[in-house]
N, C-alpha and C. Protein backbone atom coordinates (compact mmCIF):
# COMPACT_ATOMS: atom_id res chain seq x y z
N UNK A 1 -24.12 -17.48 -4.54
CA UNK A 1 -23.85 -16.85 -3.26
C UNK A 1 -22.38 -16.46 -3.20
N UNK A 2 -22.11 -15.26 -2.77
CA UNK A 2 -20.74 -14.77 -2.62
C UNK A 2 -20.34 -14.86 -1.15
N UNK A 3 -19.14 -15.33 -0.91
CA UNK A 3 -18.56 -15.37 0.43
C UNK A 3 -17.64 -14.16 0.55
N UNK A 4 -17.87 -13.35 1.57
CA UNK A 4 -17.11 -12.13 1.77
C UNK A 4 -16.36 -12.22 3.09
N UNK A 5 -15.06 -11.94 3.05
CA UNK A 5 -14.24 -11.89 4.25
C UNK A 5 -13.52 -10.54 4.23
N UNK A 6 -13.47 -9.88 5.38
CA UNK A 6 -12.80 -8.59 5.48
C UNK A 6 -12.09 -8.49 6.83
N UNK A 7 -11.13 -7.60 6.91
CA UNK A 7 -10.43 -7.34 8.17
C UNK A 7 -10.47 -5.85 8.47
N UNK A 8 -10.55 -5.54 9.74
CA UNK A 8 -10.42 -4.19 10.26
C UNK A 8 -9.58 -4.28 11.53
N UNK A 9 -9.10 -3.16 12.00
CA UNK A 9 -8.29 -3.15 13.22
C UNK A 9 -8.99 -2.34 14.30
N UNK A 10 -9.36 -3.03 15.37
CA UNK A 10 -9.93 -2.38 16.55
C UNK A 10 -8.77 -1.87 17.40
N UNK A 11 -8.94 -0.70 17.98
CA UNK A 11 -7.91 -0.16 18.87
C UNK A 11 -7.72 -1.14 20.03
N UNK A 12 -6.47 -1.56 20.29
CA UNK A 12 -6.23 -2.56 21.33
C UNK A 12 -6.81 -2.21 22.69
N UNK A 13 -6.82 -0.94 23.04
CA UNK A 13 -7.37 -0.55 24.34
C UNK A 13 -8.89 -0.52 24.37
N UNK A 14 -9.55 -0.82 23.24
CA UNK A 14 -11.01 -0.82 23.17
C UNK A 14 -11.59 -2.20 22.88
N UNK A 15 -10.72 -3.23 22.83
CA UNK A 15 -11.16 -4.58 22.47
C UNK A 15 -12.23 -5.10 23.42
N UNK A 16 -12.05 -4.96 24.71
CA UNK A 16 -13.03 -5.48 25.67
C UNK A 16 -14.38 -4.79 25.49
N UNK A 17 -14.36 -3.48 25.31
CA UNK A 17 -15.60 -2.75 25.12
C UNK A 17 -16.27 -3.12 23.79
N UNK A 18 -15.47 -3.33 22.75
CA UNK A 18 -16.01 -3.75 21.45
C UNK A 18 -16.73 -5.09 21.59
N UNK A 19 -16.09 -6.03 22.28
CA UNK A 19 -16.73 -7.33 22.52
C UNK A 19 -18.04 -7.15 23.26
N UNK A 20 -18.03 -6.32 24.28
CA UNK A 20 -19.24 -6.08 25.09
C UNK A 20 -20.37 -5.50 24.23
N UNK A 21 -20.05 -4.55 23.37
CA UNK A 21 -21.07 -3.95 22.51
C UNK A 21 -21.73 -4.98 21.60
N UNK A 22 -20.97 -6.01 21.22
CA UNK A 22 -21.51 -7.02 20.31
C UNK A 22 -22.25 -8.15 21.03
N UNK A 23 -22.31 -8.10 22.33
CA UNK A 23 -23.12 -9.08 23.07
C UNK A 23 -24.61 -8.78 22.89
N UNK A 24 -24.92 -7.51 22.64
CA UNK A 24 -26.31 -7.09 22.49
C UNK A 24 -26.48 -6.18 21.29
N UNK A 25 -26.19 -6.70 20.10
CA UNK A 25 -26.41 -5.92 18.88
C UNK A 25 -27.90 -5.62 18.79
N UNK A 26 -28.22 -4.38 18.53
CA UNK A 26 -29.62 -3.95 18.47
C UNK A 26 -30.43 -4.87 17.56
N UNK A 27 -31.59 -5.32 18.00
CA UNK A 27 -32.45 -6.16 17.14
C UNK A 27 -32.78 -5.48 15.81
N UNK A 28 -32.96 -4.17 15.81
CA UNK A 28 -33.26 -3.46 14.56
C UNK A 28 -32.07 -3.50 13.60
N UNK A 29 -30.86 -3.52 14.15
CA UNK A 29 -29.66 -3.64 13.31
C UNK A 29 -29.57 -5.05 12.73
N UNK A 30 -29.84 -6.04 13.55
CA UNK A 30 -29.83 -7.42 13.07
C UNK A 30 -30.88 -7.61 11.96
N UNK A 31 -32.06 -7.05 12.16
CA UNK A 31 -33.12 -7.15 11.15
C UNK A 31 -32.71 -6.48 9.84
N UNK A 32 -32.09 -5.31 9.96
CA UNK A 32 -31.65 -4.58 8.76
C UNK A 32 -30.58 -5.36 8.00
N UNK A 33 -29.65 -5.95 8.71
CA UNK A 33 -28.61 -6.76 8.06
C UNK A 33 -29.23 -7.92 7.29
N UNK A 34 -30.15 -8.62 7.93
CA UNK A 34 -30.81 -9.76 7.27
C UNK A 34 -31.59 -9.29 6.04
N UNK A 35 -32.34 -8.20 6.18
CA UNK A 35 -33.16 -7.70 5.08
C UNK A 35 -32.30 -7.25 3.90
N UNK A 36 -31.09 -6.76 4.19
CA UNK A 36 -30.19 -6.28 3.13
C UNK A 36 -29.41 -7.41 2.47
N UNK A 37 -29.54 -8.63 2.98
CA UNK A 37 -28.86 -9.76 2.34
C UNK A 37 -27.56 -10.17 2.98
N UNK A 38 -27.33 -9.77 4.23
CA UNK A 38 -26.13 -10.18 4.95
C UNK A 38 -26.44 -11.48 5.67
N UNK A 39 -26.11 -12.59 5.06
CA UNK A 39 -26.39 -13.89 5.66
C UNK A 39 -25.15 -14.53 6.26
N UNK A 40 -25.38 -15.42 7.22
CA UNK A 40 -24.29 -16.17 7.84
C UNK A 40 -23.14 -15.25 8.26
N UNK A 41 -23.49 -14.11 8.85
CA UNK A 41 -22.54 -13.06 9.19
C UNK A 41 -21.91 -13.33 10.55
N UNK A 42 -20.58 -13.34 10.59
CA UNK A 42 -19.83 -13.56 11.82
C UNK A 42 -18.69 -12.57 11.92
N UNK A 43 -18.36 -12.21 13.16
CA UNK A 43 -17.17 -11.42 13.45
C UNK A 43 -16.29 -12.20 14.40
N UNK A 44 -14.99 -12.14 14.17
CA UNK A 44 -13.99 -12.79 15.00
C UNK A 44 -13.00 -11.72 15.42
N UNK A 45 -12.61 -11.72 16.70
CA UNK A 45 -11.75 -10.66 17.20
C UNK A 45 -10.60 -11.23 18.02
N UNK A 46 -9.38 -10.93 17.59
CA UNK A 46 -8.18 -11.33 18.33
C UNK A 46 -7.93 -10.33 19.45
N UNK A 47 -7.19 -10.74 20.47
CA UNK A 47 -6.90 -9.87 21.60
C UNK A 47 -6.11 -8.62 21.21
N UNK A 48 -5.37 -8.68 20.10
CA UNK A 48 -4.62 -7.50 19.66
C UNK A 48 -5.45 -6.54 18.82
N UNK A 49 -6.74 -6.86 18.62
CA UNK A 49 -7.64 -5.98 17.89
C UNK A 49 -7.90 -6.35 16.45
N UNK A 50 -7.26 -7.39 15.94
CA UNK A 50 -7.53 -7.79 14.56
C UNK A 50 -8.96 -8.34 14.49
N UNK A 51 -9.80 -7.70 13.70
CA UNK A 51 -11.18 -8.09 13.51
C UNK A 51 -11.34 -8.72 12.14
N UNK A 52 -11.88 -9.92 12.09
CA UNK A 52 -12.14 -10.62 10.83
C UNK A 52 -13.64 -10.80 10.73
N UNK A 53 -14.20 -10.37 9.62
CA UNK A 53 -15.63 -10.53 9.38
C UNK A 53 -15.86 -11.47 8.21
N UNK A 54 -16.94 -12.24 8.29
CA UNK A 54 -17.31 -13.16 7.22
C UNK A 54 -18.82 -13.09 7.04
N UNK A 55 -19.25 -13.08 5.79
CA UNK A 55 -20.68 -13.13 5.49
C UNK A 55 -20.89 -13.75 4.12
N UNK A 56 -22.12 -14.14 3.89
CA UNK A 56 -22.51 -14.66 2.58
C UNK A 56 -23.67 -13.80 2.09
N UNK A 57 -23.62 -13.47 0.81
CA UNK A 57 -24.64 -12.61 0.22
C UNK A 57 -24.75 -12.87 -1.27
N UNK A 58 -25.95 -12.72 -1.82
CA UNK A 58 -26.09 -12.87 -3.27
C UNK A 58 -25.35 -11.78 -4.05
N UNK A 59 -25.25 -10.58 -3.45
CA UNK A 59 -24.62 -9.47 -4.16
C UNK A 59 -24.03 -8.50 -3.14
N UNK A 60 -22.71 -8.44 -3.05
CA UNK A 60 -22.03 -7.62 -2.05
C UNK A 60 -22.33 -6.14 -2.22
N UNK A 61 -22.26 -5.65 -3.43
CA UNK A 61 -22.49 -4.22 -3.66
C UNK A 61 -23.91 -3.84 -3.26
N UNK A 62 -24.87 -4.68 -3.61
CA UNK A 62 -26.26 -4.43 -3.24
C UNK A 62 -26.46 -4.50 -1.73
N UNK A 63 -25.83 -5.48 -1.08
CA UNK A 63 -25.95 -5.63 0.37
C UNK A 63 -25.39 -4.40 1.09
N UNK A 64 -24.26 -3.90 0.64
CA UNK A 64 -23.68 -2.69 1.23
C UNK A 64 -24.58 -1.48 0.99
N UNK A 65 -25.04 -1.34 -0.23
CA UNK A 65 -25.90 -0.20 -0.60
C UNK A 65 -27.19 -0.20 0.22
N UNK A 66 -27.82 -1.36 0.35
CA UNK A 66 -29.07 -1.46 1.11
C UNK A 66 -28.86 -1.08 2.58
N UNK A 67 -27.75 -1.53 3.16
CA UNK A 67 -27.47 -1.16 4.56
C UNK A 67 -27.20 0.34 4.68
N UNK A 68 -26.51 0.90 3.73
CA UNK A 68 -26.18 2.33 3.78
C UNK A 68 -27.44 3.20 3.76
N UNK A 69 -28.52 2.68 3.25
CA UNK A 69 -29.78 3.44 3.17
C UNK A 69 -30.59 3.41 4.47
N UNK A 70 -30.19 2.58 5.42
CA UNK A 70 -30.98 2.44 6.64
C UNK A 70 -30.53 3.42 7.72
N UNK A 71 -31.49 3.93 8.46
CA UNK A 71 -31.23 4.85 9.56
C UNK A 71 -30.50 4.14 10.69
N UNK A 72 -30.88 2.90 10.95
CA UNK A 72 -30.25 2.17 12.06
C UNK A 72 -28.77 1.94 11.78
N UNK A 73 -28.40 1.69 10.54
CA UNK A 73 -26.99 1.50 10.21
C UNK A 73 -26.20 2.79 10.43
N UNK A 74 -26.78 3.91 10.05
CA UNK A 74 -26.10 5.19 10.26
C UNK A 74 -25.82 5.40 11.76
N UNK A 75 -26.80 5.11 12.61
CA UNK A 75 -26.60 5.25 14.05
C UNK A 75 -25.56 4.27 14.58
N UNK A 76 -25.63 3.00 14.10
CA UNK A 76 -24.68 1.99 14.56
C UNK A 76 -23.25 2.36 14.15
N UNK A 77 -23.07 2.72 12.89
CA UNK A 77 -21.73 3.06 12.41
C UNK A 77 -21.16 4.26 13.15
N UNK A 78 -21.99 5.24 13.42
CA UNK A 78 -21.54 6.42 14.16
C UNK A 78 -21.11 6.02 15.57
N UNK A 79 -21.84 5.09 16.18
CA UNK A 79 -21.51 4.66 17.55
C UNK A 79 -20.27 3.78 17.60
N UNK A 80 -19.88 3.19 16.47
CA UNK A 80 -18.76 2.25 16.45
C UNK A 80 -17.47 2.83 15.88
N UNK A 81 -17.53 3.95 15.20
CA UNK A 81 -16.37 4.44 14.45
C UNK A 81 -15.13 4.69 15.30
N UNK A 82 -15.29 5.08 16.55
CA UNK A 82 -14.13 5.40 17.39
C UNK A 82 -13.41 4.16 17.93
N UNK A 83 -13.92 2.98 17.63
CA UNK A 83 -13.26 1.75 18.05
C UNK A 83 -12.11 1.36 17.12
N UNK A 84 -12.06 1.94 15.93
CA UNK A 84 -11.16 1.46 14.88
C UNK A 84 -10.00 2.40 14.62
N UNK A 85 -8.91 1.84 14.11
CA UNK A 85 -7.76 2.62 13.67
C UNK A 85 -7.80 2.73 12.15
N UNK A 86 -7.21 3.79 11.65
CA UNK A 86 -7.00 3.97 10.20
C UNK A 86 -8.26 3.97 9.35
N UNK A 87 -9.34 4.56 9.84
CA UNK A 87 -10.55 4.66 9.02
C UNK A 87 -10.50 5.87 8.09
N UNK A 88 -9.64 6.82 8.40
CA UNK A 88 -9.44 8.00 7.56
C UNK A 88 -10.75 8.67 7.18
N UNK A 89 -11.58 8.96 8.20
CA UNK A 89 -12.84 9.67 7.99
C UNK A 89 -14.00 8.81 7.55
N UNK A 90 -13.79 7.53 7.35
CA UNK A 90 -14.86 6.63 6.93
C UNK A 90 -15.53 6.00 8.15
N UNK A 91 -16.75 5.55 7.95
CA UNK A 91 -17.38 4.68 8.94
C UNK A 91 -16.84 3.27 8.73
N UNK A 92 -16.91 2.41 9.75
CA UNK A 92 -16.36 1.05 9.60
C UNK A 92 -16.91 0.30 8.40
N UNK A 93 -18.22 0.40 8.13
CA UNK A 93 -18.78 -0.35 7.01
C UNK A 93 -18.28 0.16 5.66
N UNK A 94 -17.85 1.41 5.59
CA UNK A 94 -17.30 1.95 4.35
C UNK A 94 -15.85 1.51 4.15
N UNK A 95 -15.19 1.12 5.23
CA UNK A 95 -13.78 0.72 5.15
C UNK A 95 -13.61 -0.78 4.90
N UNK A 96 -14.71 -1.52 4.93
CA UNK A 96 -14.61 -2.97 4.69
C UNK A 96 -14.28 -3.22 3.23
N UNK A 97 -13.19 -3.90 3.01
CA UNK A 97 -12.78 -4.24 1.65
C UNK A 97 -12.60 -5.76 1.60
N UNK A 98 -13.40 -6.45 0.79
CA UNK A 98 -13.30 -7.91 0.75
C UNK A 98 -11.90 -8.38 0.36
N UNK A 99 -11.46 -9.42 1.08
CA UNK A 99 -10.20 -10.06 0.74
C UNK A 99 -10.43 -11.01 -0.44
N UNK A 100 -9.48 -11.14 -1.33
CA UNK A 100 -9.64 -12.10 -2.42
C UNK A 100 -9.61 -13.54 -1.89
N UNK A 101 -10.56 -14.33 -2.31
CA UNK A 101 -10.58 -15.73 -1.92
C UNK A 101 -9.57 -16.49 -2.79
N UNK A 102 -8.69 -17.25 -2.16
CA UNK A 102 -7.69 -17.99 -2.92
C UNK A 102 -7.90 -19.50 -2.85
N UNK A 103 -8.79 -19.97 -1.93
CA UNK A 103 -9.07 -21.39 -1.85
C UNK A 103 -10.41 -21.56 -1.14
N UNK A 104 -11.16 -22.54 -1.60
CA UNK A 104 -12.42 -22.90 -0.95
C UNK A 104 -12.65 -24.39 -1.15
N UNK A 105 -13.00 -25.08 -0.08
CA UNK A 105 -13.33 -26.50 -0.16
C UNK A 105 -14.81 -26.67 0.17
N UNK A 106 -15.57 -27.18 -0.77
CA UNK A 106 -16.99 -27.47 -0.51
C UNK A 106 -17.14 -28.71 0.29
């Protein structure tokens, strides 16, 4: 199992709305994430917009690829893209770059 951690930056003036959107993530989006291998997935958001994501998956590249093939992910990413800074034309899921793990305690 691979542990994946990534950071993105939410626009500070959109933090409250971003939190609100995640109170009711579409059930079809949740199902797609699970089916694609996104396990134990959590998002953490600081008041200044720093977003930290964590998930566990058997294969990160496969999990990303499987999500990219779903219609619900395309709709979700399109609806969320304006919340972020510095995406440079990418959707949020395309901009996620795993941080290198430097320590882990079992």
